[in-house]
Amino acid sequence: MPKMKTHSGAKKRFKVTAGGKVRARHPFTSHILEKKSPKRKRALGRPTVLSKHDAPRVKRLLGEGK
């Protein structure tokens, strides 16, 4: 059976940390920013850790174990 390929879209958007957590960008950061407070926009700019329920799906797309 051939090797599995990593998902090109996923590898551009997610990164697995050394501890095995999946890091991603926050949603709601690209437009309609005028009504959001500066504090909220700053917080959304920092990466977030995906929930433990979403992480296995992303890891499978990235080829990280099962």
Protein backbone atom coordinates (compact mmCIF):
# COMPACT_ATOMS: atom_id res chain seq x y z
CA MET A 1 0.00 0.00 0.00
CA PRO A 2 1.35 3.50 -0.82
CA LYS A 3 2.43 5.98 1.80
CA MET A 4 -0.13 8.48 3.06
CA LYS A 5 0.42 12.05 1.91
CA THR A 6 0.17 14.96 4.31
CA HIS A 7 -2.75 17.29 3.67
CA SER A 8 -1.33 20.40 1.97
CA GLY A 9 -3.98 22.72 3.42
CA ALA A 10 -3.48 21.41 6.94
CA LYS A 11 0.29 21.70 6.91
CA LYS A 12 -0.02 25.40 6.03
CA ARG A 13 -2.46 26.09 8.88
CA PHE A 14 -1.47 23.88 11.82
CA LYS A 15 1.69 23.01 13.70
CA VAL A 16 2.21 20.25 16.25
CA THR A 17 4.13 21.37 19.34
CA ALA A 18 6.84 19.32 21.03
CA GLY A 19 4.31 18.22 23.65
CA GLY A 20 1.95 16.89 20.97
CA LYS A 21 -0.61 19.70 21.09
CA VAL A 22 -1.89 21.26 17.86
CA ARG A 23 -1.38 24.99 17.42
CA ALA A 24 -3.63 27.02 15.11
CA ARG A 25 -4.68 30.57 14.30
CA HIS A 26 -7.74 32.07 15.91
CA PRO A 27 -10.85 32.48 13.78
CA PHE A 28 -12.53 35.89 13.23
CA THR A 29 -9.27 37.75 12.50
CA SER A 30 -9.46 38.75 8.84
CA HIS A 31 -12.32 41.24 8.42
CA ILE A 32 -15.04 43.21 10.27
CA LEU A 33 -12.34 44.36 12.69
CA GLU A 34 -13.68 47.87 13.29
CA LYS A 35 -16.25 46.79 15.86
CA LYS A 36 -13.84 44.52 17.78
CA SER A 37 -11.93 46.03 20.66
CA PRO A 38 -8.14 46.40 20.42
CA LYS A 39 -7.74 44.01 23.36
CA ARG A 40 -9.81 41.37 21.60
CA LYS A 41 -7.90 41.83 18.31
CA ARG A 42 -4.56 41.47 20.11
CA ALA A 43 -5.71 38.27 21.78
CA LEU A 44 -6.97 36.87 18.47
CA GLY A 45 -3.59 37.55 16.87
CA ARG A 46 -1.83 35.04 19.10
CA PRO A 47 -1.99 31.33 18.21
CA THR A 48 -4.34 29.06 20.12
CA VAL A 49 -4.19 25.38 21.04
CA LEU A 50 -6.88 23.24 19.42
CA SER A 51 -9.25 21.35 21.68
CA LYS A 52 -8.44 17.73 22.46
CA HIS A 53 -11.45 16.67 20.38
CA ASP A 54 -10.29 18.39 17.18
CA ALA A 55 -6.58 17.59 17.55
CA PRO A 56 -6.70 13.89 16.47
CA ARG A 57 -8.32 14.79 13.13
CA VAL A 58 -5.69 17.41 12.37
CA LYS A 59 -2.87 15.11 13.46
CA ARG A 60 -4.11 12.45 11.05
CA LEU A 61 -4.06 15.01 8.21
CA LEU A 62 -0.49 15.94 9.15
CA GLY A 63 0.62 12.32 9.34
CA GLU A 64 1.33 12.39 13.09
CA GLY A 65 0.73 8.84 14.28
CA LYS A 66 -2.85 7.55 14.48
